[in-house]
Amino acid sequence: SAKDIAAQRKDFTALSTDVIALFKHADLKKGSIYV
């Protein structure tokens, strides 16, 4: 619901922090995830 891409990018930081924490403990079968 952001009004512009700058707002989207700002919120993406918080979203990324949460998701990165999840993937550091995820059960990876194949491939690599780069932080």
PDB file of all heavy atoms in Angstrom:
ATOM      1  N   SER A   1       0.813  -1.228   0.000  1.00  0.00           N
ATOM      2  CA  SER A   1       0.000   0.000   0.000  1.00  0.00           C
ATOM      3  C   SER A   1       0.846   1.277   0.000  1.00  0.00           C
ATOM      4  O   SER A   1       0.317   2.381   0.178  1.00  0.00           O
ATOM      5  CB  SER A   1      -0.952  -0.005   1.196  1.00  0.00           C
ATOM      6  OG  SER A   1      -0.213  -0.043   2.405  1.00  0.00           O
ATOM      7  N   ALA A   2       2.150   1.151  -0.216  1.00  0.00           N
ATOM      8  CA  ALA A   2       3.050   2.307  -0.226  1.00  0.00           C
ATOM      9  C   ALA A   2       2.694   3.276  -1.358  1.00  0.00           C
ATOM     10  O   ALA A   2       2.165   2.873  -2.390  1.00  0.00           O
ATOM     11  CB  ALA A   2       4.495   1.840  -0.367  1.00  0.00           C
ATOM     12  N   LYS A   3       2.981   4.544  -1.126  1.00  0.00           N
ATOM     13  CA  LYS A   3       2.663   5.592  -2.111  1.00  0.00           C
ATOM     14  C   LYS A   3       3.724   5.733  -3.204  1.00  0.00           C
ATOM     15  O   LYS A   3       3.456   6.265  -4.268  1.00  0.00           O
ATOM     16  CB  LYS A   3       2.499   6.950  -1.404  1.00  0.00           C
ATOM     17  CG  LYS A   3       1.404   6.955  -0.344  1.00  0.00           C
ATOM     18  CD  LYS A   3       0.025   7.062  -0.978  1.00  0.00           C
ATOM     19  CE  LYS A   3      -1.077   7.044   0.042  1.00  0.00           C
ATOM     20  NZ  LYS A   3      -1.800   5.777   0.141  1.00  0.00           N
ATOM     21  N   ASP A   4       4.949   5.297  -2.910  1.00  0.00           N
ATOM     22  CA  ASP A   4       6.015   5.394  -3.911  1.00  0.00           C
ATOM     23  C   ASP A   4       7.089   4.341  -3.655  1.00  0.00           C
ATOM     24  O   ASP A   4       7.078   3.674  -2.624  1.00  0.00           O
ATOM     25  CB  ASP A   4       6.634   6.803  -3.949  1.00  0.00           C
ATOM     26  CG  ASP A   4       7.182   7.232  -2.592  1.00  0.00           C
ATOM     27  OD1 ASP A   4       7.779   6.389  -1.874  1.00  0.00           O
ATOM     28  OD2 ASP A   4       7.020   8.408  -2.244  1.00  0.00           O
ATOM     29  N   ILE A   5       8.019   4.222  -4.588  1.00  0.00           N
ATOM     30  CA  ILE A   5       9.046   3.184  -4.479  1.00  0.00           C
ATOM     31  C   ILE A   5      10.010   3.454  -3.333  1.00  0.00           C
ATOM     32  O   ILE A   5      10.537   2.533  -2.719  1.00  0.00           O
ATOM     33  CB  ILE A   5       9.771   2.952  -5.826  1.00  0.00           C
ATOM     34  CG1 ILE A   5      10.545   1.621  -5.789  1.00  0.00           C
ATOM     35  CG2 ILE A   5      10.670   4.117  -6.168  1.00  0.00           C
ATOM     36  CD1 ILE A   5      10.528   0.848  -7.048  1.00  0.00           C
ATOM     37  N   ALA A   6      10.224   4.732  -2.985  1.00  0.00           N
ATOM     38  CA  ALA A   6      11.110   5.062  -1.860  1.00  0.00           C
ATOM     39  C   ALA A   6      10.553   4.484  -0.563  1.00  0.00           C
ATOM     40  O   ALA A   6      11.300   3.918   0.247  1.00  0.00           O
ATOM     41  CB  ALA A   6      11.279   6.575  -1.750  1.00  0.00           C
ATOM     42  N   ALA A   7       9.257   4.579  -0.364  1.00  0.00           N
ATOM     43  CA  ALA A   7       8.609   4.019   0.826  1.00  0.00           C
ATOM     44  C   ALA A   7       8.709   2.488   0.808  1.00  0.00           C
ATOM     45  O   ALA A   7       8.941   1.858   1.839  1.00  0.00           O
ATOM     46  CB  ALA A   7       7.156   4.463   0.895  1.00  0.00           C
ATOM     47  N   GLN A   8       8.527   1.903  -0.374  1.00  0.00           N
ATOM     48  CA  GLN A   8       8.639   0.448  -0.505  1.00  0.00           C
ATOM     49  C   GLN A   8      10.037  -0.014  -0.102  1.00  0.00           C
ATOM     50  O   GLN A   8      10.190  -0.991   0.634  1.00  0.00           O
ATOM     51  CB  GLN A   8       8.366   0.010  -1.947  1.00  0.00           C
ATOM     52  CG  GLN A   8       6.919   0.110  -2.359  1.00  0.00           C
ATOM     53  CD  GLN A   8       6.721  -0.264  -3.822  1.00  0.00           C
ATOM     54  OE1 GLN A   8       7.591  -0.050  -4.658  1.00  0.00           O
ATOM     55  NE2 GLN A   8       5.555  -0.818  -4.121  1.00  0.00           N
ATOM     56  N   ARG A   9      11.034   0.695  -0.580  1.00  0.00           N
ATOM     57  CA  ARG A   9      12.414   0.304  -0.304  1.00  0.00           C
ATOM     58  C   ARG A   9      12.749   0.457   1.180  1.00  0.00           C
ATOM     59  O   ARG A   9      13.489  -0.343   1.735  1.00  0.00           O
ATOM     60  CB  ARG A   9      13.371   1.113  -1.172  1.00  0.00           C
ATOM     61  CG  ARG A   9      13.347   0.623  -2.617  1.00  0.00           C
ATOM     62  CD  ARG A   9      14.203   1.457  -3.525  1.00  0.00           C
ATOM     63  NE  ARG A   9      14.427   0.749  -4.791  1.00  0.00           N
ATOM     64  CZ  ARG A   9      14.629   1.356  -5.950  1.00  0.00           C
ATOM     65  NH1 ARG A   9      14.637   2.673  -6.017  1.00  0.00           N
ATOM     66  NH2 ARG A   9      14.828   0.652  -7.042  1.00  0.00           N
ATOM     67  N   LYS A  10      12.202   1.480   1.813  1.00  0.00           N
ATOM     68  CA  LYS A  10      12.436   1.700   3.244  1.00  0.00           C
ATOM     69  C   LYS A  10      11.857   0.524   4.045  1.00  0.00           C
ATOM     70  O   LYS A  10      12.527  -0.032   4.906  1.00  0.00           O
ATOM     71  CB  LYS A  10      11.792   3.025   3.670  1.00  0.00           C
ATOM     72  CG  LYS A  10      12.115   3.435   5.079  1.00  0.00           C
ATOM     73  CD  LYS A  10      11.548   4.829   5.353  1.00  0.00           C
ATOM     74  CE  LYS A  10      11.824   5.280   6.769  1.00  0.00           C
ATOM     75  NZ  LYS A  10      11.197   4.426   7.773  1.00  0.00           N
ATOM     76  N   ASP A  11      10.626   0.125   3.738  1.00  0.00           N
ATOM     77  CA  ASP A  11       9.995  -0.998   4.446  1.00  0.00           C
ATOM     78  C   ASP A  11      10.646  -2.338   4.099  1.00  0.00           C
ATOM     79  O   ASP A  11      10.643  -3.259   4.911  1.00  0.00           O
ATOM     80  CB  ASP A  11       8.489  -1.043   4.147  1.00  0.00           C
ATOM     81  CG  ASP A  11       7.744   0.100   4.818  1.00  0.00           C
ATOM     82  OD1 ASP A  11       8.145   0.519   5.916  1.00  0.00           O
ATOM     83  OD2 ASP A  11       6.754   0.578   4.228  1.00  0.00           O
ATOM     84  N   PHE A  12      11.211  -2.417   2.915  1.00  0.00           N
ATOM     85  CA  PHE A  12      11.894  -3.643   2.485  1.00  0.00           C
ATOM     86  C   PHE A  12      13.063  -3.974   3.421  1.00  0.00           C
ATOM     87  O   PHE A  12      13.377  -5.144   3.641  1.00  0.00           O
ATOM     88  CB  PHE A  12      12.384  -3.483   1.037  1.00  0.00           C
ATOM     89  CG  PHE A  12      13.051  -4.702   0.470  1.00  0.00           C
ATOM     90  CD1 PHE A  12      12.319  -5.839   0.176  1.00  0.00           C
ATOM     91  CD2 PHE A  12      14.417  -4.713   0.219  1.00  0.00           C
ATOM     92  CE1 PHE A  12      12.929  -6.973  -0.356  1.00  0.00           C
ATOM     93  CE2 PHE A  12      15.039  -5.840  -0.313  1.00  0.00           C
ATOM     94  CZ  PHE A  12      14.297  -6.970  -0.599  1.00  0.00           C
ATOM     95  N   THR A  13      13.684  -2.952   4.019  1.00  0.00           N
ATOM     96  CA  THR A  13      14.793  -3.165   4.959  1.00  0.00           C
ATOM     97  C   THR A  13      14.332  -3.984   6.156  1.00  0.00           C
ATOM     98  O   THR A  13      14.972  -4.968   6.527  1.00  0.00           O
ATOM     99  CB  THR A  13      15.351  -1.809   5.452  1.00  0.00           C
ATOM    100  OG1 THR A  13      15.628  -0.988   4.324  1.00  0.00           O
ATOM    101  CG2 THR A  13      16.619  -1.996   6.261  1.00  0.00           C
ATOM    102  N   ALA A  14      13.217  -3.581   6.769  1.00  0.00           N
ATOM    103  CA  ALA A  14      12.692  -4.301   7.938  1.00  0.00           C
ATOM    104  C   ALA A  14      12.242  -5.701   7.542  1.00  0.00           C
ATOM    105  O   ALA A  14      12.495  -6.673   8.257  1.00  0.00           O
ATOM    106  CB  ALA A  14      11.538  -3.517   8.557  1.00  0.00           C
ATOM    107  N   LEU A  15      11.584  -5.802   6.395  1.00  0.00           N
ATOM    108  CA  LEU A  15      11.130  -7.103   5.913  1.00  0.00           C
ATOM    109  C   LEU A  15      12.329  -8.031   5.700  1.00  0.00           C
ATOM    110  O   LEU A  15      12.311  -9.183   6.125  1.00  0.00           O
ATOM    111  CB  LEU A  15      10.346  -6.920   4.612  1.00  0.00           C
ATOM    112  CG  LEU A  15       9.679  -8.187   4.083  1.00  0.00           C
ATOM    113  CD1 LEU A  15       8.259  -7.903   3.622  1.00  0.00           C
ATOM    114  CD2 LEU A  15      10.459  -8.769   2.934  1.00  0.00           C
ATOM    115  N   SER A  16      13.390  -7.506   5.101  1.00  0.00           N
ATOM    116  CA  SER A  16      14.588  -8.311   4.844  1.00  0.00           C
ATOM    117  C   SER A  16      15.227  -8.793   6.136  1.00  0.00           C
ATOM    118  O   SER A  16      15.645  -9.947   6.233  1.00  0.00           O
ATOM    119  CB  SER A  16      15.608  -7.503   4.039  1.00  0.00           C
ATOM    120  OG  SER A  16      15.128  -7.295   2.731  1.00  0.00           O
ATOM    121  N   THR A  17      15.296  -7.929   7.140  1.00  0.00           N
ATOM    122  CA  THR A  17      15.887  -8.307   8.431  1.00  0.00           C
ATOM    123  C   THR A  17      15.171  -9.528   9.001  1.00  0.00           C
ATOM    124  O   THR A  17      15.815 -10.488   9.435  1.00  0.00           O
ATOM    125  CB  THR A  17      15.817  -7.124   9.417  1.00  0.00           C
ATOM    126  OG1 THR A  17      16.531  -6.023   8.840  1.00  0.00           O
ATOM    127  CG2 THR A  17      16.440  -7.467  10.759  1.00  0.00           C
ATOM    128  N   ASP A  18      13.835  -9.512   8.965  1.00  0.00           N
ATOM    129  CA  ASP A  18      13.044 -10.637   9.473  1.00  0.00           C
ATOM    130  C   ASP A  18      13.272 -11.901   8.653  1.00  0.00           C
ATOM    131  O   ASP A  18      13.473 -12.982   9.202  1.00  0.00           O
ATOM    132  CB  ASP A  18      11.541 -10.301   9.437  1.00  0.00           C
ATOM    133  CG  ASP A  18      11.148  -9.282  10.487  1.00  0.00           C
ATOM    134  OD1 ASP A  18      12.020  -8.823  11.248  1.00  0.00           O
ATOM    135  OD2 ASP A  18       9.948  -8.952  10.547  1.00  0.00           O
ATOM    136  N   VAL A  19      13.214 -11.758   7.342  1.00  0.00           N
ATOM    137  CA  VAL A  19      13.320 -12.917   6.456  1.00  0.00           C
ATOM    138  C   VAL A  19      14.730 -13.524   6.494  1.00  0.00           C
ATOM    139  O   VAL A  19      14.882 -14.740   6.485  1.00  0.00           O
ATOM    140  CB  VAL A  19      12.888 -12.527   5.015  1.00  0.00           C
ATOM    141  CG1 VAL A  19      13.148 -13.645   4.034  1.00  0.00           C
ATOM    142  CG2 VAL A  19      11.406 -12.186   5.005  1.00  0.00           C
ATOM    143  N   ILE A  20      15.755 -12.681   6.593  1.00  0.00           N
ATOM    144  CA  ILE A  20      17.132 -13.179   6.685  1.00  0.00           C
ATOM    145  C   ILE A  20      17.282 -14.049   7.931  1.00  0.00           C
ATOM    146  O   ILE A  20      17.872 -15.126   7.881  1.00  0.00           O
ATOM    147  CB  ILE A  20      18.156 -12.021   6.665  1.00  0.00           C
ATOM    148  CG1 ILE A  20      18.211 -11.402   5.252  1.00  0.00           C
ATOM    149  CG2 ILE A  20      19.547 -12.500   7.093  1.00  0.00           C
ATOM    150  CD1 ILE A  20      18.942 -10.073   5.167  1.00  0.00           C
ATOM    151  N   ALA A  21      16.710 -13.602   9.046  1.00  0.00           N
ATOM    152  CA  ALA A  21      16.779 -14.386  10.287  1.00  0.00           C
ATOM    153  C   ALA A  21      16.147 -15.766  10.090  1.00  0.00           C
ATOM    154  O   ALA A  21      16.682 -16.776  10.552  1.00  0.00           O
ATOM    155  CB  ALA A  21      16.084 -13.630  11.419  1.00  0.00           C
ATOM    156  N   LEU A  22      15.026 -15.816   9.382  1.00  0.00           N
ATOM    157  CA  LEU A  22      14.359 -17.085   9.094  1.00  0.00           C
ATOM    158  C   LEU A  22      15.257 -18.014   8.268  1.00  0.00           C
ATOM    159  O   LEU A  22      15.419 -19.186   8.583  1.00  0.00           O
ATOM    160  CB  LEU A  22      13.040 -16.830   8.346  1.00  0.00           C
ATOM    161  CG  LEU A  22      12.323 -18.055   7.775  1.00  0.00           C
ATOM    162  CD1 LEU A  22      11.740 -18.918   8.888  1.00  0.00           C
ATOM    163  CD2 LEU A  22      11.220 -17.626   6.816  1.00  0.00           C
ATOM    164  N   PHE A  23      15.879 -17.466   7.228  1.00  0.00           N
ATOM    165  CA  PHE A  23      16.658 -18.311   6.317  1.00  0.00           C
ATOM    166  C   PHE A  23      18.003 -18.744   6.877  1.00  0.00           C
ATOM    167  O   PHE A  23      18.570 -19.731   6.441  1.00  0.00           O
ATOM    168  CB  PHE A  23      16.797 -17.660   4.940  1.00  0.00           C
ATOM    169  CG  PHE A  23      15.512 -17.743   4.195  1.00  0.00           C
ATOM    170  CD1 PHE A  23      14.696 -16.636   4.048  1.00  0.00           C
ATOM    171  CD2 PHE A  23      15.060 -18.965   3.709  1.00  0.00           C
ATOM    172  CE1 PHE A  23      13.464 -16.741   3.413  1.00  0.00           C
ATOM    173  CE2 PHE A  23      13.837 -19.076   3.073  1.00  0.00           C
ATOM    174  CZ  PHE A  23      13.041 -17.953   2.926  1.00  0.00           C
ATOM    175  N   LYS A  24      18.510 -18.040   7.876  1.00  0.00           N
ATOM    176  CA  LYS A  24      19.757 -18.472   8.519  1.00  0.00           C
ATOM    177  C   LYS A  24      19.533 -19.794   9.246  1.00  0.00           C
ATOM    178  O   LYS A  24      20.478 -20.519   9.506  1.00  0.00           O
ATOM    179  CB  LYS A  24      20.265 -17.401   9.472  1.00  0.00           C
ATOM    180  CG  LYS A  24      20.924 -16.257   8.719  1.00  0.00           C
ATOM    181  CD  LYS A  24      21.651 -15.327   9.640  1.00  0.00           C
ATOM    182  CE  LYS A  24      22.354 -14.252   8.828  1.00  0.00           C
ATOM    183  NZ  LYS A  24      23.165 -13.381   9.655  1.00  0.00           N
ATOM    184  N   HIS A  25      18.273 -20.111   9.571  1.00  0.00           N
ATOM    185  CA  HIS A  25      17.959 -21.341  10.287  1.00  0.00           C
ATOM    186  C   HIS A  25      17.101 -22.306   9.452  1.00  0.00           C
ATOM    187  O   HIS A  25      16.646 -23.309   9.971  1.00  0.00           O
ATOM    188  CB  HIS A  25      17.251 -21.009  11.605  1.00  0.00           C
ATOM    189  CG  HIS A  25      18.055 -20.086  12.455  1.00  0.00           C
ATOM    190  ND1 HIS A  25      19.171 -20.499  13.153  1.00  0.00           N
ATOM    191  CD2 HIS A  25      17.950 -18.763  12.683  1.00  0.00           C
ATOM    192  CE1 HIS A  25      19.695 -19.467  13.783  1.00  0.00           C
ATOM    193  NE2 HIS A  25      18.975 -18.409  13.520  1.00  0.00           N
ATOM    194  N   ALA A  26      16.893 -21.972   8.195  1.00  0.00           N
ATOM    195  CA  ALA A  26      16.050 -22.809   7.334  1.00  0.00           C
ATOM    196  C   ALA A  26      16.822 -24.052   6.895  1.00  0.00           C
ATOM    197  O   ALA A  26      18.048 -24.058   6.854  1.00  0.00           O
ATOM    198  CB  ALA A  26      15.599 -22.016   6.111  1.00  0.00           C
ATOM    199  N   ASP A  27      16.074 -25.082   6.559  1.00  0.00           N
ATOM    200  CA  ASP A  27      16.667 -26.336   6.113  1.00  0.00           C
ATOM    201  C   ASP A  27      16.841 -26.293   4.597  1.00  0.00           C
ATOM    202  O   ASP A  27      15.905 -26.526   3.838  1.00  0.00           O
ATOM    203  CB  ASP A  27      15.758 -27.497   6.542  1.00  0.00           C
ATOM    204  CG  ASP A  27      16.543 -28.768   6.790  1.00  0.00           C
ATOM    205  OD1 ASP A  27      17.733 -28.819   6.401  1.00  0.00           O
ATOM    206  OD2 ASP A  27      15.968 -29.701   7.377  1.00  0.00           O
ATOM    207  N   LEU A  28      18.028 -25.949   4.167  1.00  0.00           N
ATOM    208  CA  LEU A  28      18.340 -25.795   2.750  1.00  0.00           C
ATOM    209  C   LEU A  28      18.728 -27.148   2.164  1.00  0.00           C
ATOM    210  O   LEU A  28      19.596 -27.830   2.695  1.00  0.00           O
ATOM    211  CB  LEU A  28      19.499 -24.797   2.628  1.00  0.00           C
ATOM    212  CG  LEU A  28      19.787 -24.142   1.309  1.00  0.00           C
ATOM    213  CD1 LEU A  28      18.570 -23.365   0.807  1.00  0.00           C
ATOM    214  CD2 LEU A  28      20.949 -23.166   1.455  1.00  0.00           C
ATOM    215  N   LYS A  29      18.032 -27.546   1.090  1.00  0.00           N
ATOM    216  CA  LYS A  29      18.290 -28.824   0.435  1.00  0.00           C
ATOM    217  C   LYS A  29      19.335 -28.670  -0.671  1.00  0.00           C
ATOM    218  O   LYS A  29      20.196 -29.507  -0.860  1.00  0.00           O
ATOM    219  CB  LYS A  29      16.971 -29.336  -0.168  1.00  0.00           C
ATOM    220  CG  LYS A  29      16.774 -30.811  -0.036  1.00  0.00           C
ATOM    221  CD  LYS A  29      15.344 -31.288  -0.234  1.00  0.00           C
ATOM    222  CE  LYS A  29      14.683 -30.884  -1.510  1.00  0.00           C
ATOM    223  NZ  LYS A  29      13.364 -31.499  -1.683  1.00  0.00           N
ATOM    224  N   LYS A  30      19.223 -27.566  -1.408  1.00  0.00           N
ATOM    225  CA  LYS A  30      20.053 -27.374  -2.591  1.00  0.00           C
ATOM    226  C   LYS A  30      20.276 -25.886  -2.835  1.00  0.00           C
ATOM    227  O   LYS A  30      19.401 -25.075  -2.574  1.00  0.00           O
ATOM    228  CB  LYS A  30      19.313 -27.997  -3.782  1.00  0.00           C
ATOM    229  CG  LYS A  30      20.040 -27.945  -5.095  1.00  0.00           C
ATOM    230  CD  LYS A  30      19.194 -28.573  -6.189  1.00  0.00           C
ATOM    231  CE  LYS A  30      19.611 -27.997  -7.523  1.00  0.00           C
ATOM    232  NZ  LYS A  30      18.562 -27.941  -8.488  1.00  0.00           N
ATOM    233  N   GLY A  31      21.450 -25.547  -3.361  1.00  0.00           N
ATOM    234  CA  GLY A  31      21.741 -24.161  -3.715  1.00  0.00           C
ATOM    235  C   GLY A  31      22.325 -23.364  -2.554  1.00  0.00           C
ATOM    236  O   GLY A  31      22.540 -23.900  -1.470  1.00  0.00           O
ATOM    237  N   SER A  32      22.599 -22.101  -2.813  1.00  0.00           N
ATOM    238  CA  SER A  32      23.112 -21.187  -1.799  1.00  0.00           C
ATOM    239  C   SER A  32      22.248 -19.936  -1.795  1.00  0.00           C
ATOM    240  O   SER A  32      21.764 -19.500  -2.834  1.00  0.00           O
ATOM    241  CB  SER A  32      24.547 -20.765  -2.115  1.00  0.00           C
ATOM    242  OG  SER A  32      25.434 -21.849  -1.949  1.00  0.00           O
ATOM    243  N   ILE A  33      22.103 -19.359  -0.606  1.00  0.00           N
ATOM    244  CA  ILE A  33      21.415 -18.082  -0.472  1.00  0.00           C
ATOM    245  C   ILE A  33      22.479 -17.080  -0.027  1.00  0.00           C
ATOM    246  O   ILE A  33      23.202 -17.317   0.940  1.00  0.00           O
ATOM    247  CB  ILE A  33      20.282 -18.154   0.572  1.00  0.00           C
ATOM    248  CG1 ILE A  33      19.243 -19.209   0.180  1.00  0.00           C
ATOM    249  CG2 ILE A  33      19.621 -16.778   0.741  1.00  0.00           C
ATOM    250  CD1 ILE A  33      18.182 -19.472   1.249  1.00  0.00           C
ATOM    251  N   TYR A  34      22.572 -15.968  -0.732  1.00  0.00           N
ATOM    252  CA  TYR A  34      23.560 -14.948  -0.411  1.00  0.00           C
ATOM    253  C   TYR A  34      22.910 -13.806   0.371  1.00  0.00           C
ATOM    254  O   TYR A  34      21.894 -13.271  -0.046  1.00  0.00           O
ATOM    255  CB  TYR A  34      24.195 -14.402  -1.691  1.00  0.00           C
ATOM    256  CG  TYR A  34      24.966 -15.461  -2.445  1.00  0.00           C
ATOM    257  CD1 TYR A  34      24.356 -16.207  -3.450  1.00  0.00           C
ATOM    258  CD2 TYR A  34      26.292 -15.737  -2.123  1.00  0.00           C
ATOM    259  CE1 TYR A  34      25.056 -17.205  -4.119  1.00  0.00           C
ATOM    260  CE2 TYR A  34      26.996 -16.729  -2.784  1.00  0.00           C
ATOM    261  CZ  TYR A  34      26.379 -17.456  -3.785  1.00  0.00           C
ATOM    262  OH  TYR A  34      27.067 -18.440  -4.441  1.00  0.00           O
ATOM    263  N   VAL A  35      23.523 -13.469   1.511  1.00  0.00           N
ATOM    264  CA  VAL A  35      23.096 -12.300   2.282  1.00  0.00           C
ATOM    265  C   VAL A  35      23.988 -11.157   1.802  1.00  0.00           C
ATOM    266  O   VAL A  35      25.215 -11.244   1.883  1.00  0.00           O
ATOM    267  CB  VAL A  35      23.281 -12.510   3.803  1.00  0.00           C
ATOM    268  CG1 VAL A  35      22.821 -11.276   4.570  1.00  0.00           C
ATOM    269  CG2 VAL A  35      22.520 -13.743   4.278  1.00  0.00           C
TER     270      VAL A  35
END
